Amino acid sequence: MEHYPSLRNLFISIFSVDAGLEEDDEIAALIRVLNDPVQRKEIEGELKQLFQDDAISWTEFLENDDYVVYPADDEEDAKEYVIESLWNRVFPNEVAP
């Protein structure tokens, strides 16, 4: 499995339950990150790669030893969370793969 350092950093610093941000604050923080062209390019690339990664465990990607973002019920639930909270905000005019 790829490491996806930029996405993991977003999860740890913004979306993790330990960060304790409300949804509006999460969105504002994500927008600030995406306003930096270098970070945005890294996040876009990793996000597209993530959705092509057949080996990814979506549930583990959201809940692991490093952080807990969302305790998904199953793989589909976890993937939907990533689509709604990240993909749709990074790529608002593109349907998730």
PDB file of N, CA and C in Angstrom:
ATOM      1  N   MET A   1       0.844  -1.184   0.000  1.00  0.00           N
ATOM      2  CA  MET A   1       0.000   0.000   0.000  1.00  0.00           C
ATOM      3  C   MET A   1       0.888   1.246   0.000  1.00  0.00           C
ATOM      4  N   GLU A   2       0.512   2.199  -0.791  1.00  0.00           N
ATOM      5  CA  GLU A   2       1.238   3.462  -0.837  1.00  0.00           C
ATOM      6  C   GLU A   2       1.056   4.199   0.489  1.00  0.00           C
ATOM      7  N   HIS A   3       1.933   5.129   0.727  1.00  0.00           N
ATOM      8  CA  HIS A   3       1.873   5.846   1.999  1.00  0.00           C
ATOM      9  C   HIS A   3       0.987   7.084   1.958  1.00  0.00           C
ATOM     10  N   TYR A   4       0.876   7.752   0.825  1.00  0.00           N
ATOM     11  CA  TYR A   4       0.036   8.945   0.683  1.00  0.00           C
ATOM     12  C   TYR A   4       0.306   9.964   1.797  1.00  0.00           C
ATOM     13  N   PRO A   5       1.541  10.465   1.885  1.00  0.00           N
ATOM     14  CA  PRO A   5       1.906  11.336   3.008  1.00  0.00           C
ATOM     15  C   PRO A   5       1.089  12.628   3.117  1.00  0.00           C
ATOM     16  N   SER A   6       0.743  13.231   1.999  1.00  0.00           N
ATOM     17  CA  SER A   6      -0.037  14.479   2.064  1.00  0.00           C
ATOM     18  C   SER A   6      -1.448  14.220   2.567  1.00  0.00           C
ATOM     19  N   LEU A   7      -2.061  13.149   2.087  1.00  0.00           N
ATOM     20  CA  LEU A   7      -3.415  12.818   2.544  1.00  0.00           C
ATOM     21  C   LEU A   7      -3.400  12.419   4.019  1.00  0.00           C
ATOM     22  N   ARG A   8      -2.419  11.623   4.408  1.00  0.00           N
ATOM     23  CA  ARG A   8      -2.321  11.226   5.818  1.00  0.00           C
ATOM     24  C   ARG A   8      -2.102  12.446   6.709  1.00  0.00           C
ATOM     25  N   ASN A   9      -1.309  13.397   6.235  1.00  0.00           N
ATOM     26  CA  ASN A   9      -1.100  14.621   7.001  1.00  0.00           C
ATOM     27  C   ASN A   9      -2.409  15.393   7.163  1.00  0.00           C
ATOM     28  N   LEU A  10      -3.215  15.441   6.106  1.00  0.00           N
ATOM     29  CA  LEU A  10      -4.532  16.080   6.216  1.00  0.00           C
ATOM     30  C   LEU A  10      -5.394  15.373   7.257  1.00  0.00           C
ATOM     31  N   PHE A  11      -5.379  14.054   7.207  1.00  0.00           N
ATOM     32  CA  PHE A  11      -6.194  13.297   8.157  1.00  0.00           C
ATOM     33  C   PHE A  11      -5.738  13.549   9.591  1.00  0.00           C
ATOM     34  N   ILE A  12      -4.430  13.545   9.814  1.00  0.00           N
ATOM     35  CA  ILE A  12      -3.908  13.752  11.167  1.00  0.00           C
ATOM     36  C   ILE A  12      -4.189  15.169  11.654  1.00  0.00           C
ATOM     37  N   SER A  13      -3.913  16.152  10.811  1.00  0.00           N
ATOM     38  CA  SER A  13      -3.966  17.541  11.270  1.00  0.00           C
ATOM     39  C   SER A  13      -5.343  18.197  11.186  1.00  0.00           C
ATOM     40  N   ILE A  14      -6.209  17.707  10.303  1.00  0.00           N
ATOM     41  CA  ILE A  14      -7.507  18.358  10.118  1.00  0.00           C
ATOM     42  C   ILE A  14      -8.673  17.445  10.462  1.00  0.00           C
ATOM     43  N   PHE A  15      -8.679  16.239   9.914  1.00  0.00           N
ATOM     44  CA  PHE A  15      -9.858  15.370  10.006  1.00  0.00           C
ATOM     45  C   PHE A  15      -9.853  14.394  11.183  1.00  0.00           C
ATOM     46  N   SER A  16      -8.729  14.215  11.831  1.00  0.00           N
ATOM     47  CA  SER A  16      -8.641  13.280  12.947  1.00  0.00           C
ATOM     48  C   SER A  16      -9.556  13.710  14.095  1.00  0.00           C
ATOM     49  N   VAL A  17     -10.138  12.727  14.767  1.00  0.00           N
ATOM     50  CA  VAL A  17     -10.956  13.052  15.938  1.00  0.00           C
ATOM     51  C   VAL A  17     -10.113  13.737  17.006  1.00  0.00           C
ATOM     52  N   ASP A  18      -8.811  13.454  17.030  1.00  0.00           N
ATOM     53  CA  ASP A  18      -7.930  14.106  17.990  1.00  0.00           C
ATOM     54  C   ASP A  18      -7.774  15.598  17.712  1.00  0.00           C
ATOM     55  N   ALA A  19      -7.929  15.999  16.450  1.00  0.00           N
ATOM     56  CA  ALA A  19      -7.859  17.425  16.114  1.00  0.00           C
ATOM     57  C   ALA A  19      -9.070  18.154  16.685  1.00  0.00           C
ATOM     58  N   GLY A  20     -10.186  17.442  16.770  1.00  0.00           N
ATOM     59  CA  GLY A  20     -11.377  17.985  17.412  1.00  0.00           C
ATOM     60  C   GLY A  20     -12.055  19.147  16.692  1.00  0.00           C
ATOM     61  N   LEU A  21     -11.854  19.254  15.390  1.00  0.00           N
ATOM     62  CA  LEU A  21     -12.454  20.354  14.649  1.00  0.00           C
ATOM     63  C   LEU A  21     -13.901  20.051  14.266  1.00  0.00           C
ATOM     64  N   GLU A  22     -14.717  21.080  14.295  1.00  0.00           N
ATOM     65  CA  GLU A  22     -16.079  20.972  13.777  1.00  0.00           C
ATOM     66  C   GLU A  22     -15.993  20.925  12.256  1.00  0.00           C
ATOM     67  N   GLU A  23     -17.058  20.467  11.600  1.00  0.00           N
ATOM     68  CA  GLU A  23     -17.028  20.322  10.144  1.00  0.00           C
ATOM     69  C   GLU A  23     -16.701  21.637   9.437  1.00  0.00           C
ATOM     70  N   ASP A  24     -17.278  22.743   9.876  1.00  0.00           N
ATOM     71  CA  ASP A  24     -16.993  24.035   9.247  1.00  0.00           C
ATOM     72  C   ASP A  24     -15.512  24.398   9.378  1.00  0.00           C
ATOM     73  N   ASP A  25     -14.925  24.085  10.526  1.00  0.00           N
ATOM     74  CA  ASP A  25     -13.505  24.358  10.742  1.00  0.00           C
ATOM     75  C   ASP A  25     -12.633  23.432   9.893  1.00  0.00           C
ATOM     76  N   GLU A  26     -13.065  22.183   9.717  1.00  0.00           N
ATOM     77  CA  GLU A  26     -12.349  21.258   8.845  1.00  0.00           C
ATOM     78  C   GLU A  26     -12.323  21.790   7.415  1.00  0.00           C
ATOM     79  N   ILE A  27     -13.476  22.239   6.952  1.00  0.00           N
ATOM     80  CA  ILE A  27     -13.569  22.757   5.586  1.00  0.00           C
ATOM     81  C   ILE A  27     -12.684  23.988   5.425  1.00  0.00           C
ATOM     82  N   ALA A  28     -12.725  24.890   6.384  1.00  0.00           N
ATOM     83  CA  ALA A  28     -11.902  26.107   6.315  1.00  0.00           C
ATOM     84  C   ALA A  28     -10.416  25.761   6.295  1.00  0.00           C
ATOM     85  N   ALA A  29     -10.010  24.805   7.125  1.00  0.00           N
ATOM     86  CA  ALA A  29      -8.602  24.394   7.167  1.00  0.00           C
ATOM     87  C   ALA A  29      -8.198  23.734   5.847  1.00  0.00           C
ATOM     88  N   LEU A  30      -9.074  22.904   5.306  1.00  0.00           N
ATOM     89  CA  LEU A  30      -8.782  22.249   4.032  1.00  0.00           C
ATOM     90  C   LEU A  30      -8.646  23.296   2.923  1.00  0.00           C
ATOM     91  N   ILE A  31      -9.520  24.274   2.910  1.00  0.00           N
ATOM     92  CA  ILE A  31      -9.452  25.332   1.897  1.00  0.00           C
ATOM     93  C   ILE A  31      -8.129  26.088   2.001  1.00  0.00           C
ATOM     94  N   ARG A  32      -7.690  26.372   3.223  1.00  0.00           N
ATOM     95  CA  ARG A  32      -6.402  27.053   3.400  1.00  0.00           C
ATOM     96  C   ARG A  32      -5.259  26.229   2.809  1.00  0.00           C
ATOM     97  N   VAL A  33      -5.281  24.930   3.044  1.00  0.00           N
ATOM     98  CA  VAL A  33      -4.246  24.047   2.499  1.00  0.00           C
ATOM     99  C   VAL A  33      -4.328  24.029   0.976  1.00  0.00           C
ATOM    100  N   LEU A  34      -5.539  23.907   0.440  1.00  0.00           N
ATOM    101  CA  LEU A  34      -5.715  23.820  -1.011  1.00  0.00           C
ATOM    102  C   LEU A  34      -5.392  25.128  -1.722  1.00  0.00           C
ATOM    103  N   ASN A  35      -5.378  26.221  -0.999  1.00  0.00           N
ATOM    104  CA  ASN A  35      -5.008  27.509  -1.600  1.00  0.00           C
ATOM    105  C   ASN A  35      -3.514  27.614  -1.884  1.00  0.00           C
ATOM    106  N   ASP A  36      -2.735  26.708  -1.310  1.00  0.00           N
ATOM    107  CA  ASP A  36      -1.303  26.650  -1.600  1.00  0.00           C
ATOM    108  C   ASP A  36      -1.138  25.742  -2.825  1.00  0.00           C
ATOM    109  N   PRO A  37      -0.696  26.297  -3.974  1.00  0.00           N
ATOM    110  CA  PRO A  37      -0.620  25.498  -5.218  1.00  0.00           C
ATOM    111  C   PRO A  37       0.238  24.242  -5.101  1.00  0.00           C
ATOM    112  N   VAL A  38       1.325  24.299  -4.356  1.00  0.00           N
ATOM    113  CA  VAL A  38       2.193  23.127  -4.218  1.00  0.00           C
ATOM    114  C   VAL A  38       1.478  22.020  -3.445  1.00  0.00           C
ATOM    115  N   GLN A  39       0.877  22.381  -2.318  1.00  0.00           N
ATOM    116  CA  GLN A  39       0.162  21.373  -1.532  1.00  0.00           C
ATOM    117  C   GLN A  39      -1.040  20.833  -2.295  1.00  0.00           C
ATOM    118  N   ARG A  40      -1.750  21.718  -2.996  1.00  0.00           N
ATOM    119  CA  ARG A  40      -2.919  21.282  -3.755  1.00  0.00           C
ATOM    120  C   ARG A  40      -2.515  20.244  -4.799  1.00  0.00           C
ATOM    121  N   LYS A  41      -1.428  20.494  -5.516  1.00  0.00           N
ATOM    122  CA  LYS A  41      -0.978  19.553  -6.542  1.00  0.00           C
ATOM    123  C   LYS A  41      -0.639  18.196  -5.925  1.00  0.00           C
ATOM    124  N   GLU A  42       0.034  18.196  -4.782  1.00  0.00           N
ATOM    125  CA  GLU A  42       0.375  16.940  -4.109  1.00  0.00           C
ATOM    126  C   GLU A  42      -0.888  16.190  -3.684  1.00  0.00           C
ATOM    127  N   ILE A  43      -1.822  16.909  -3.106  1.00  0.00           N
ATOM    128  CA  ILE A  43      -3.068  16.293  -2.640  1.00  0.00           C
ATOM    129  C   ILE A  43      -3.873  15.750  -3.813  1.00  0.00           C
ATOM    130  N   GLU A  44      -3.977  16.522  -4.880  1.00  0.00           N
ATOM    131  CA  GLU A  44      -4.708  16.052  -6.064  1.00  0.00           C
ATOM    132  C   GLU A  44      -4.084  14.779  -6.614  1.00  0.00           C
ATOM    133  N   GLY A  45      -2.763  14.762  -6.730  1.00  0.00           N
ATOM    134  CA  GLY A  45      -2.084  13.584  -7.257  1.00  0.00           C
ATOM    135  C   GLY A  45      -2.279  12.357  -6.385  1.00  0.00           C
ATOM    136  N   GLU A  46      -2.126  12.536  -5.079  1.00  0.00           N
ATOM    137  CA  GLU A  46      -2.298  11.408  -4.159  1.00  0.00           C
ATOM    138  C   GLU A  46      -3.740  10.920  -4.142  1.00  0.00           C
ATOM    139  N   LEU A  47      -4.677  11.833  -4.206  1.00  0.00           N
ATOM    140  CA  LEU A  47      -6.089  11.456  -4.167  1.00  0.00           C
ATOM    141  C   LEU A  47      -6.467  10.655  -5.412  1.00  0.00           C
ATOM    142  N   LYS A  48      -5.995  11.093  -6.572  1.00  0.00           N
ATOM    143  CA  LYS A  48      -6.263  10.334  -7.802  1.00  0.00           C
ATOM    144  C   LYS A  48      -5.609   8.962  -7.743  1.00  0.00           C
ATOM    145  N   GLN A  49      -4.380   8.911  -7.224  1.00  0.00           N
ATOM    146  CA  GLN A  49      -3.678   7.630  -7.092  1.00  0.00           C
ATOM    147  C   GLN A  49      -4.406   6.715  -6.103  1.00  0.00           C
ATOM    148  N   LEU A  50      -4.893   7.278  -5.024  1.00  0.00           N
ATOM    149  CA  LEU A  50      -5.617   6.507  -4.012  1.00  0.00           C
ATOM    150  C   LEU A  50      -6.807   5.778  -4.613  1.00  0.00           C
ATOM    151  N   PHE A  51      -7.550   6.468  -5.470  1.00  0.00           N
ATOM    152  CA  PHE A  51      -8.743   5.863  -6.053  1.00  0.00           C
ATOM    153  C   PHE A  51      -8.420   4.835  -7.132  1.00  0.00           C
ATOM    154  N   GLN A  52      -7.158   4.726  -7.514  1.00  0.00           N
ATOM    155  CA  GLN A  52      -6.738   3.686  -8.458  1.00  0.00           C
ATOM    156  C   GLN A  52      -6.024   2.540  -7.739  1.00  0.00           C
ATOM    157  N   ASP A  53      -5.847   2.661  -6.439  1.00  0.00           N
ATOM    158  CA  ASP A  53      -5.102   1.688  -5.646  1.00  0.00           C
ATOM    159  C   ASP A  53      -6.015   0.539  -5.231  1.00  0.00           C
ATOM    160  N   ASP A  54      -5.874  -0.596  -5.912  1.00  0.00           N
ATOM    161  CA  ASP A  54      -6.709  -1.763  -5.605  1.00  0.00           C
ATOM    162  C   ASP A  54      -6.358  -2.404  -4.273  1.00  0.00           C
ATOM    163  N   ALA A  55      -5.175  -2.094  -3.743  1.00  0.00           N
ATOM    164  CA  ALA A  55      -4.728  -2.717  -2.500  1.00  0.00           C
ATOM    165  C   ALA A  55      -5.122  -1.909  -1.267  1.00  0.00           C
ATOM    166  N   ILE A  56      -5.735  -0.754  -1.454  1.00  0.00           N
ATOM    167  CA  ILE A  56      -6.046   0.111  -0.315  1.00  0.00           C
ATOM    168  C   ILE A  56      -7.161  -0.494   0.541  1.00  0.00           C
ATOM    169  N   SER A  57      -6.975  -0.419   1.826  1.00  0.00           N
ATOM    170  CA  SER A  57      -8.050  -0.729   2.766  1.00  0.00           C
ATOM    171  C   SER A  57      -8.610   0.617   3.204  1.00  0.00           C
ATOM    172  N   TRP A  58      -9.778   0.938   2.724  1.00  0.00           N
ATOM    173  CA  TRP A  58     -10.383   2.235   3.018  1.00  0.00           C
ATOM    174  C   TRP A  58     -10.632   2.400   4.511  1.00  0.00           C
ATOM    175  N   THR A  59     -11.062   1.332   5.170  1.00  0.00           N
ATOM    176  CA  THR A  59     -11.322   1.426   6.606  1.00  0.00           C
ATOM    177  C   THR A  59     -10.030   1.675   7.375  1.00  0.00           C
ATOM    178  N   GLU A  60      -8.952   0.985   6.984  1.00  0.00           N
ATOM    179  CA  GLU A  60      -7.667   1.188   7.656  1.00  0.00           C
ATOM    180  C   GLU A  60      -7.089   2.565   7.344  1.00  0.00           C
ATOM    181  N   PHE A  61      -7.374   3.072   6.159  1.00  0.00           N
ATOM    182  CA  PHE A  61      -6.883   4.394   5.790  1.00  0.00           C
ATOM    183  C   PHE A  61      -7.505   5.476   6.683  1.00  0.00           C
ATOM    184  N   LEU A  62      -8.718   5.237   7.158  1.00  0.00           N
ATOM    185  CA  LEU A  62      -9.407   6.204   8.006  1.00  0.00           C
ATOM    186  C   LEU A  62      -9.259   5.941   9.495  1.00  0.00           C
ATOM    187  N   GLU A  63      -8.882   4.726   9.850  1.00  0.00           N
ATOM    188  CA  GLU A  63      -8.744   4.373  11.269  1.00  0.00           C
ATOM    189  C   GLU A  63      -7.575   3.401  11.413  1.00  0.00           C
ATOM    190  N   ASN A  64      -6.486   3.888  12.021  1.00  0.00           N
ATOM    191  CA  ASN A  64      -5.286   3.064  12.183  1.00  0.00           C
ATOM    192  C   ASN A  64      -4.548   3.493  13.450  1.00  0.00           C
ATOM    193  N   ASP A  65      -3.352   3.008  13.636  1.00  0.00           N
ATOM    194  CA  ASP A  65      -2.586   3.312  14.854  1.00  0.00           C
ATOM    195  C   ASP A  65      -2.146   4.774  14.932  1.00  0.00           C
ATOM    196  N   ASP A  66      -2.083   5.453  13.791  1.00  0.00           N
ATOM    197  CA  ASP A  66      -1.623   6.846  13.766  1.00  0.00           C
ATOM    198  C   ASP A  66      -2.733   7.867  13.977  1.00  0.00           C
ATOM    199  N   TYR A  67      -3.937   7.538  13.541  1.00  0.00           N
ATOM    200  CA  TYR A  67      -5.054   8.478  13.648  1.00  0.00           C
ATOM    201  C   TYR A  67      -6.382   7.760  13.451  1.00  0.00           C
ATOM    202  N   VAL A  68      -7.435   8.410  13.922  1.00  0.00           N
ATOM    203  CA  VAL A  68      -8.806   7.954  13.672  1.00  0.00           C
ATOM    204  C   VAL A  68      -9.549   9.142  13.087  1.00  0.00           C
ATOM    205  N   VAL A  69     -10.016   8.965  11.868  1.00  0.00           N
ATOM    206  CA  VAL A  69     -10.782  10.006  11.204  1.00  0.00           C
ATOM    207  C   VAL A  69     -12.263   9.670  11.279  1.00  0.00           C
ATOM    208  N   TYR A  70     -12.582   8.436  10.907  1.00  0.00           N
ATOM    209  CA  TYR A  70     -13.981   8.017  10.827  1.00  0.00           C
ATOM    210  C   TYR A  70     -14.022   6.500  10.985  1.00  0.00           C
ATOM    211  N   PRO A  71     -14.718   6.019  12.005  1.00  0.00           N
ATOM    212  CA  PRO A  71     -14.819   4.565  12.196  1.00  0.00           C
ATOM    213  C   PRO A  71     -15.891   3.983  11.270  1.00  0.00           C
ATOM    214  N   ALA A  72     -15.502   3.655  10.063  1.00  0.00           N
ATOM    215  CA  ALA A  72     -16.438   3.192   9.044  1.00  0.00           C
ATOM    216  C   ALA A  72     -16.986   1.805   9.357  1.00  0.00           C
ATOM    217  N   ASP A  73     -18.199   1.569   8.890  1.00  0.00           N
ATOM    218  CA  ASP A  73     -18.839   0.265   9.065  1.00  0.00           C
ATOM    219  C   ASP A  73     -18.228  -0.795   8.158  1.00  0.00           C
ATOM    220  N   ASP A  74     -17.823  -0.370   6.958  1.00  0.00           N
ATOM    221  CA  ASP A  74     -17.233  -1.295   5.994  1.00  0.00           C
ATOM    222  C   ASP A  74     -16.456  -0.490   4.951  1.00  0.00           C
ATOM    223  N   GLU A  75     -15.882  -1.180   3.989  1.00  0.00           N
ATOM    224  CA  GLU A  75     -15.049  -0.535   2.977  1.00  0.00           C
ATOM    225  C   GLU A  75     -15.835   0.510   2.175  1.00  0.00           C
ATOM    226  N   GLU A  76     -17.043   0.181   1.807  1.00  0.00           N
ATOM    227  CA  GLU A  76     -17.852   1.113   1.016  1.00  0.00           C
ATOM    228  C   GLU A  76     -18.183   2.369   1.808  1.00  0.00           C
ATOM    229  N   ASP A  77     -18.502   2.217   3.075  1.00  0.00           N
ATOM    230  CA  ASP A  77     -18.787   3.352   3.949  1.00  0.00           C
ATOM    231  C   ASP A  77     -17.557   4.250   4.070  1.00  0.00           C
ATOM    232  N   ALA A  78     -16.389   3.641   4.224  1.00  0.00           N
ATOM    233  CA  ALA A  78     -15.145   4.399   4.344  1.00  0.00           C
ATOM    234  C   ALA A  78     -14.841   5.153   3.056  1.00  0.00           C
ATOM    235  N   LYS A  79     -15.030   4.487   1.923  1.00  0.00           N
ATOM    236  CA  LYS A  79     -14.777   5.131   0.637  1.00  0.00           C
ATOM    237  C   LYS A  79     -15.735   6.302   0.438  1.00  0.00           C
ATOM    238  N   GLU A  80     -16.981   6.128   0.797  1.00  0.00           N
ATOM    239  CA  GLU A  80     -17.962   7.210   0.687  1.00  0.00           C
ATOM    240  C   GLU A  80     -17.559   8.408   1.536  1.00  0.00           C
ATOM    241  N   TYR A  81     -17.024   8.147   2.710  1.00  0.00           N
ATOM    242  CA  TYR A  81     -16.565   9.240   3.571  1.00  0.00           C
ATOM    243  C   TYR A  81     -15.457  10.031   2.875  1.00  0.00           C
ATOM    244  N   VAL A  82     -14.507   9.327   2.269  1.00  0.00           N
ATOM    245  CA  VAL A  82     -13.404   9.996   1.581  1.00  0.00           C
ATOM    246  C   VAL A  82     -13.942  10.798   0.398  1.00  0.00           C
ATOM    247  N   ILE A  83     -14.903  10.248  -0.316  1.00  0.00           N
ATOM    248  CA  ILE A  83     -15.501  10.973  -1.444  1.00  0.00           C
ATOM    249  C   ILE A  83     -16.168  12.253  -0.958  1.00  0.00           C
ATOM    250  N   GLU A  84     -16.995  12.137   0.067  1.00  0.00           N
ATOM    251  CA  GLU A  84     -17.761  13.295   0.545  1.00  0.00           C
ATOM    252  C   GLU A  84     -16.883  14.343   1.228  1.00  0.00           C
ATOM    253  N   SER A  85     -15.945  13.899   2.039  1.00  0.00           N
ATOM    254  CA  SER A  85     -15.180  14.863   2.824  1.00  0.00           C
ATOM    255  C   SER A  85     -13.958  15.406   2.102  1.00  0.00           C
ATOM    256  N   LEU A  86     -13.443  14.655   1.131  1.00  0.00           N
ATOM    257  CA  LEU A  86     -12.200  15.087   0.492  1.00  0.00           C
ATOM    258  C   LEU A  86     -12.354  15.240  -1.026  1.00  0.00           C
ATOM    259  N   TRP A  87     -12.696  14.159  -1.717  1.00  0.00           N
ATOM    260  CA  TRP A  87     -12.766  14.210  -3.185  1.00  0.00           C
ATOM    261  C   TRP A  87     -13.681  15.344  -3.657  1.00  0.00           C
ATOM    262  N   ASN A  88     -14.888  15.410  -3.131  1.00  0.00           N
ATOM    263  CA  ASN A  88     -15.860  16.406  -3.600  1.00  0.00           C
ATOM    264  C   ASN A  88     -15.413  17.836  -3.307  1.00  0.00           C
ATOM    265  N   ARG A  89     -14.521  18.016  -2.362  1.00  0.00           N
ATOM    266  CA  ARG A  89     -14.012  19.350  -2.051  1.00  0.00           C
ATOM    267  C   ARG A  89     -12.761  19.682  -2.863  1.00  0.00           C
ATOM    268  N   VAL A  90     -11.969  18.684  -3.167  1.00  0.00           N
ATOM    269  CA  VAL A  90     -10.759  18.887  -3.966  1.00  0.00           C
ATOM    270  C   VAL A  90     -11.109  18.961  -5.446  1.00  0.00           C
ATOM    271  N   PHE A  91     -12.038  18.106  -5.863  1.00  0.00           N
ATOM    272  CA  PHE A  91     -12.476  18.037  -7.270  1.00  0.00           C
ATOM    273  C   PHE A  91     -13.995  18.257  -7.335  1.00  0.00           C
ATOM    274  N   PRO A  92     -14.476  19.474  -7.064  1.00  0.00           N
ATOM    275  CA  PRO A  92     -15.925  19.689  -6.975  1.00  0.00           C
ATOM    276  C   PRO A  92     -16.690  19.435  -8.278  1.00  0.00           C
ATOM    277  N   ASN A  93     -16.019  19.443  -9.398  1.00  0.00           N
ATOM    278  CA  ASN A  93     -16.713  19.258 -10.674  1.00  0.00           C
ATOM    279  C   ASN A  93     -16.437  17.905 -11.324  1.00  0.00           C
ATOM    280  N   GLU A  94     -15.848  16.985 -10.549  1.00  0.00           N
ATOM    281  CA  GLU A  94     -15.523  15.659 -11.075  1.00  0.00           C
ATOM    282  C   GLU A  94     -16.179  14.589 -10.218  1.00  0.00           C
ATOM    283  N   VAL A  95     -16.721  13.589 -10.891  1.00  0.00           N
ATOM    284  CA  VAL A  95     -17.294  12.440 -10.199  1.00  0.00           C
ATOM    285  C   VAL A  95     -16.145  11.547  -9.752  1.00  0.00           C
ATOM    286  N   ALA A  96     -16.216  11.051  -8.540  1.00  0.00           N
ATOM    287  CA  ALA A  96     -15.173  10.159  -8.025  1.00  0.00           C
ATOM    288  C   ALA A  96     -15.137   8.873  -8.838  1.00  0.00           C
ATOM    289  N   PRO A  97     -13.939   8.347  -9.055  1.00  0.00           N
ATOM    290  CA  PRO A  97     -13.816   7.096  -9.825  1.00  0.00           C
ATOM    291  C   PRO A  97     -14.485   5.928  -9.126  1.00  0.00           C
TER     292      PRO A  97
END
